[in-house]
N, C-alpha and C. Protein backbone atom coordinates (compact mmCIF):
# COMPACT_ATOMS: atom_id res chain seq x y z
N UNK A 1 81.29 97.54 140.67
CA UNK A 1 82.50 97.01 140.13
C UNK A 1 82.19 95.75 139.36
N UNK A 2 83.16 95.32 138.61
CA UNK A 2 82.97 94.12 137.82
C UNK A 2 83.12 92.88 138.66
N UNK A 3 82.44 91.85 138.26
CA UNK A 3 82.55 90.59 138.98
C UNK A 3 83.37 89.62 138.16
N UNK A 4 84.06 88.69 138.80
CA UNK A 4 84.86 87.73 138.07
C UNK A 4 83.98 86.77 137.31
N UNK A 5 84.55 86.23 136.24
CA UNK A 5 83.80 85.24 135.49
C UNK A 5 83.96 83.90 136.17
N UNK A 6 82.96 83.09 136.14
CA UNK A 6 83.03 81.78 136.76
C UNK A 6 82.11 81.71 137.96
N UNK A 7 82.17 80.58 138.63
CA UNK A 7 81.27 80.33 139.77
C UNK A 7 82.11 80.22 141.03
N UNK A 8 81.63 80.80 142.08
CA UNK A 8 82.31 80.76 143.36
C UNK A 8 81.78 79.56 144.14
N UNK A 9 82.67 78.68 144.52
CA UNK A 9 82.26 77.52 145.30
C UNK A 9 82.25 77.94 146.76
N UNK A 10 81.09 77.93 147.37
CA UNK A 10 80.92 78.42 148.73
C UNK A 10 81.65 77.53 149.73
N UNK A 11 81.69 76.24 149.50
CA UNK A 11 82.32 75.32 150.45
C UNK A 11 83.82 75.52 150.53
N UNK A 12 84.47 75.73 149.40
CA UNK A 12 85.92 75.86 149.42
C UNK A 12 86.37 77.31 149.39
N UNK A 13 85.47 78.22 149.08
CA UNK A 13 85.75 79.65 149.00
C UNK A 13 86.87 79.94 148.01
N UNK A 14 86.92 79.17 146.95
CA UNK A 14 87.91 79.38 145.89
C UNK A 14 87.15 79.59 144.59
N UNK A 15 87.55 80.55 143.87
CA UNK A 15 86.91 80.83 142.59
C UNK A 15 87.59 79.96 141.55
N UNK A 16 86.79 79.22 140.78
CA UNK A 16 87.37 78.33 139.78
C UNK A 16 87.99 79.12 138.63
N UNK A 17 87.32 80.14 138.17
CA UNK A 17 87.84 80.92 137.05
C UNK A 17 87.84 82.38 137.47
N UNK A 18 88.97 83.02 137.44
CA UNK A 18 89.08 84.40 137.89
C UNK A 18 89.15 85.34 136.70
N UNK A 19 89.48 86.58 136.98
CA UNK A 19 89.65 87.54 135.91
C UNK A 19 90.74 87.05 134.96
N UNK A 20 90.67 87.43 133.69
CA UNK A 20 91.71 86.99 132.75
C UNK A 20 93.06 87.61 133.13
N UNK A 21 94.11 86.86 132.83
CA UNK A 21 95.46 87.30 133.17
C UNK A 21 95.87 88.49 132.31
N UNK A 22 96.60 89.37 132.91
CA UNK A 22 97.09 90.54 132.19
C UNK A 22 98.48 90.22 131.67
N UNK A 23 98.66 90.38 130.36
CA UNK A 23 99.94 90.04 129.75
C UNK A 23 100.92 91.21 129.80
N UNK A 24 100.38 92.40 129.78
CA UNK A 24 101.25 93.58 129.77
C UNK A 24 100.93 94.41 131.00
N UNK A 25 101.60 94.12 132.09
CA UNK A 25 101.34 94.80 133.36
C UNK A 25 101.68 96.28 133.26
N UNK A 26 102.86 96.61 132.70
CA UNK A 26 103.30 98.00 132.60
C UNK A 26 102.31 98.80 131.75
N UNK A 27 101.87 98.21 130.66
CA UNK A 27 100.92 98.90 129.79
C UNK A 27 99.59 99.14 130.47
N UNK A 28 99.18 98.21 131.31
CA UNK A 28 97.91 98.36 132.02
C UNK A 28 98.02 99.39 133.14
N UNK A 29 99.14 99.38 133.85
CA UNK A 29 99.30 100.31 134.97
C UNK A 29 99.61 101.72 134.52
N UNK A 30 100.33 101.85 133.41
CA UNK A 30 100.74 103.16 132.90
C UNK A 30 100.33 103.26 131.43
N UNK A 31 99.09 103.57 131.14
CA UNK A 31 98.64 103.57 129.74
C UNK A 31 99.29 104.65 128.89
N UNK A 32 99.82 105.71 129.51
CA UNK A 32 100.47 106.77 128.73
C UNK A 32 101.80 106.33 128.16
N UNK A 33 102.41 105.33 128.76
CA UNK A 33 103.72 104.85 128.31
C UNK A 33 103.59 103.93 127.11
N UNK A 34 102.50 103.21 127.02
CA UNK A 34 102.32 102.22 125.96
C UNK A 34 102.34 102.92 124.60
N UNK A 35 103.21 102.44 123.73
CA UNK A 35 103.33 103.03 122.39
C UNK A 35 102.56 102.21 121.36
N UNK A 36 102.43 100.92 121.61
CA UNK A 36 101.72 100.07 120.66
C UNK A 36 100.25 100.01 121.04
N UNK A 37 99.41 100.31 120.09
CA UNK A 37 97.98 100.22 120.34
C UNK A 37 97.32 99.74 119.06
N UNK A 38 96.23 99.13 119.22
CA UNK A 38 95.51 98.58 118.08
C UNK A 38 94.62 99.68 117.50
N UNK A 39 94.75 99.88 116.22
CA UNK A 39 93.89 100.85 115.54
C UNK A 39 92.78 100.09 114.82
N UNK A 40 91.63 100.67 114.81
CA UNK A 40 90.51 100.05 114.11
C UNK A 40 90.80 100.14 112.61
N UNK A 41 90.96 99.00 111.92
CA UNK A 41 91.34 99.06 110.51
C UNK A 41 90.30 99.74 109.63
N UNK A 42 89.03 99.61 109.98
CA UNK A 42 87.99 100.24 109.16
C UNK A 42 88.04 101.75 109.31
N UNK A 43 88.17 102.22 110.55
CA UNK A 43 88.21 103.67 110.79
C UNK A 43 89.45 104.29 110.15
N UNK A 44 90.59 103.60 110.28
CA UNK A 44 91.80 104.17 109.70
C UNK A 44 91.73 104.17 108.18
N UNK A 45 91.08 103.16 107.59
CA UNK A 45 90.92 103.13 106.15
C UNK A 45 90.02 104.27 105.69
N UNK A 46 88.95 104.53 106.43
CA UNK A 46 88.05 105.64 106.10
C UNK A 46 88.79 106.97 106.21
N UNK A 47 89.60 107.11 107.27
CA UNK A 47 90.36 108.35 107.45
C UNK A 47 91.34 108.54 106.31
N UNK A 48 92.02 107.47 105.89
CA UNK A 48 92.96 107.58 104.78
C UNK A 48 92.24 107.97 103.50
N UNK A 49 91.07 107.38 103.28
CA UNK A 49 90.30 107.70 102.08
C UNK A 49 89.87 109.16 102.09
N UNK A 50 89.40 109.64 103.24
CA UNK A 50 88.98 111.04 103.35
C UNK A 50 90.16 111.98 103.15
N UNK A 51 91.31 111.65 103.74
CA UNK A 51 92.50 112.48 103.56
C UNK A 51 92.91 112.51 102.10
N UNK A 52 92.85 111.37 101.44
CA UNK A 52 93.23 111.30 100.02
C UNK A 52 92.28 112.15 99.18
N UNK A 53 90.97 112.07 99.48
CA UNK A 53 90.00 112.88 98.74
C UNK A 53 90.27 114.36 98.93
N UNK A 54 90.57 114.76 100.17
CA UNK A 54 90.86 116.17 100.44
C UNK A 54 92.11 116.63 99.70
N UNK A 55 93.12 115.77 99.63
CA UNK A 55 94.34 116.13 98.91
C UNK A 55 94.07 116.28 97.43
N UNK A 56 93.27 115.39 96.86
CA UNK A 56 92.96 115.45 95.44
C UNK A 56 92.19 116.73 95.13
N UNK A 57 91.22 117.06 95.97
CA UNK A 57 90.43 118.29 95.76
C UNK A 57 91.33 119.52 95.88
N UNK A 58 92.23 119.53 96.85
CA UNK A 58 93.14 120.67 97.03
C UNK A 58 94.06 120.81 95.83
N UNK A 59 94.57 119.69 95.31
CA UNK A 59 95.45 119.75 94.13
C UNK A 59 94.69 120.28 92.92
N UNK A 60 93.45 119.85 92.75
CA UNK A 60 92.65 120.34 91.62
C UNK A 60 92.40 121.84 91.74
N UNK A 61 92.13 122.32 92.95
CA UNK A 61 91.91 123.75 93.15
C UNK A 61 93.17 124.55 92.83
N UNK A 62 94.32 124.03 93.23
CA UNK A 62 95.58 124.72 92.94
C UNK A 62 95.81 124.77 91.43
N UNK A 63 95.53 123.67 90.74
CA UNK A 63 95.71 123.65 89.28
C UNK A 63 94.78 124.64 88.61
N UNK A 64 93.52 124.70 89.07
CA UNK A 64 92.56 125.63 88.49
C UNK A 64 92.99 127.07 88.72
N UNK A 65 93.47 127.37 89.92
CA UNK A 65 93.91 128.74 90.21
C UNK A 65 95.12 129.10 89.37
N UNK A 66 96.03 128.14 89.17
CA UNK A 66 97.21 128.40 88.36
C UNK A 66 96.80 128.70 86.92
N UNK A 67 95.90 127.90 86.38
CA UNK A 67 95.44 128.14 85.01
C UNK A 67 94.74 129.49 84.90
N UNK A 68 93.93 129.80 85.90
CA UNK A 68 93.22 131.08 85.90
C UNK A 68 94.19 132.24 85.96
N UNK A 69 95.22 132.12 86.79
CA UNK A 69 96.23 133.17 86.89
C UNK A 69 97.00 133.32 85.58
N UNK A 70 97.27 132.20 84.90
CA UNK A 70 97.96 132.28 83.61
C UNK A 70 97.08 133.01 82.59
N UNK A 71 95.79 132.70 82.59
CA UNK A 71 94.88 133.38 81.66
C UNK A 71 94.81 134.87 81.96
N UNK A 72 94.70 135.19 83.26
CA UNK A 72 94.64 136.60 83.65
C UNK A 72 95.95 137.29 83.31
N UNK A 73 97.06 136.63 83.48
CA UNK A 73 98.36 137.22 83.17
C UNK A 73 98.49 137.50 81.68
N UNK A 74 98.03 136.56 80.85
CA UNK A 74 98.09 136.77 79.40
C UNK A 74 97.18 137.92 78.99
N UNK A 75 95.99 137.98 79.55
CA UNK A 75 95.06 139.07 79.22
C UNK A 75 95.64 140.41 79.69
N UNK A 76 96.26 140.42 80.85
CA UNK A 76 96.85 141.65 81.36
C UNK A 76 97.99 142.12 80.46
N UNK A 77 98.80 141.19 79.97
CA UNK A 77 99.91 141.57 79.07
C UNK A 77 99.37 142.16 77.77
N UNK A 78 98.30 141.56 77.24
CA UNK A 78 97.72 142.08 76.00
C UNK A 78 97.15 143.48 76.22
N UNK A 79 96.46 143.67 77.33
CA UNK A 79 95.92 144.99 77.65
C UNK A 79 97.03 146.02 77.76
N UNK A 80 98.10 145.66 78.46
CA UNK A 80 99.23 146.58 78.62
C UNK A 80 99.86 146.92 77.27
N UNK A 81 100.00 145.91 76.41
CA UNK A 81 100.60 146.16 75.09
C UNK A 81 99.72 147.10 74.27
N UNK A 82 98.42 146.91 74.32
CA UNK A 82 97.50 147.78 73.56
C UNK A 82 97.55 149.21 74.09
N UNK A 83 97.56 149.39 75.40
CA UNK A 83 97.61 150.73 75.98
C UNK A 83 98.92 151.42 75.63
N UNK A 84 100.03 150.71 75.74
CA UNK A 84 101.33 151.31 75.41
C UNK A 84 101.39 151.68 73.94
N UNK A 85 100.86 150.80 73.08
CA UNK A 85 100.85 151.12 71.64
C UNK A 85 99.99 152.36 71.37
N UNK A 86 98.86 152.46 72.04
CA UNK A 86 97.98 153.63 71.85
C UNK A 86 98.67 154.91 72.29
N UNK A 87 99.36 154.86 73.41
CA UNK A 87 100.08 156.05 73.89
C UNK A 87 101.18 156.42 72.91
N UNK A 88 101.89 155.40 72.41
CA UNK A 88 102.97 155.69 71.45
C UNK A 88 102.42 156.34 70.18
N UNK A 89 101.30 155.84 69.68
CA UNK A 89 100.68 156.41 68.47
C UNK A 89 100.24 157.85 68.75
N UNK A 90 99.68 158.11 69.92
CA UNK A 90 99.24 159.46 70.27
C UNK A 90 100.44 160.41 70.34
N UNK A 91 101.53 159.97 70.93
CA UNK A 91 102.72 160.83 71.04
C UNK A 91 103.30 161.11 69.64
N UNK A 92 103.37 160.09 68.81
CA UNK A 92 103.90 160.29 67.45
C UNK A 92 102.99 161.23 66.65
N UNK A 93 101.68 161.07 66.81
CA UNK A 93 100.73 161.97 66.13
C UNK A 93 100.90 163.40 66.59
N UNK A 94 101.10 163.60 67.91
CA UNK A 94 101.32 164.95 68.43
C UNK A 94 102.60 165.54 67.86
N UNK A 95 103.64 164.74 67.78
CA UNK A 95 104.92 165.24 67.22
C UNK A 95 104.73 165.65 65.77
N UNK A 96 104.07 164.83 64.97
CA UNK A 96 103.83 165.20 63.58
C UNK A 96 102.98 166.47 63.47
N UNK A 97 101.98 166.58 64.34
CA UNK A 97 101.14 167.78 64.32
C UNK A 97 101.93 169.02 64.65
N UNK A 98 102.80 168.95 65.64
CA UNK A 98 103.61 170.10 66.04
C UNK A 98 104.59 170.46 64.93
N UNK A 99 105.24 169.48 64.33
CA UNK A 99 106.19 169.78 63.25
C UNK A 99 105.49 170.37 62.04
N UNK A 100 104.27 169.95 61.74
CA UNK A 100 103.52 170.49 60.62
C UNK A 100 103.16 171.95 60.88
N UNK A 101 102.79 172.28 62.12
CA UNK A 101 102.47 173.66 62.48
C UNK A 101 103.71 174.52 62.39
N UNK A 102 104.84 173.99 62.82
CA UNK A 102 106.08 174.76 62.77
C UNK A 102 106.52 175.03 61.33
N UNK A 103 106.28 174.12 60.41
CA UNK A 103 106.66 174.33 59.03
C UNK A 103 105.78 175.41 58.38
N UNK A 104 104.52 175.48 58.75
CA UNK A 104 103.63 176.45 58.17
C UNK A 104 104.03 177.87 58.56
N UNK A 105 104.58 178.05 59.72
CA UNK A 105 104.92 179.40 60.17
C UNK A 105 106.17 179.82 59.58
């Protein structure tokens, strides 16, 4: 166990300096109740900096994915338009071919 600070006078059996006084008895006896606690300012600053860096990286990733999706969406629309146009041209060509055959007969 811990020993008190100070010197014990053997003749008087009184300790000149004892353990330091406790200012918050309830907080010492029931540590779960205490709401106020001292945070290490350096550690909390490092944690805030790390959280901020993670948020910035996450935001950049979201922006990149959004841009990529927009590019893919535009490319997909162009592909769809080309395919639909090709099908329409093929159908019109078939109709002209059929009508030409019918006129010959």
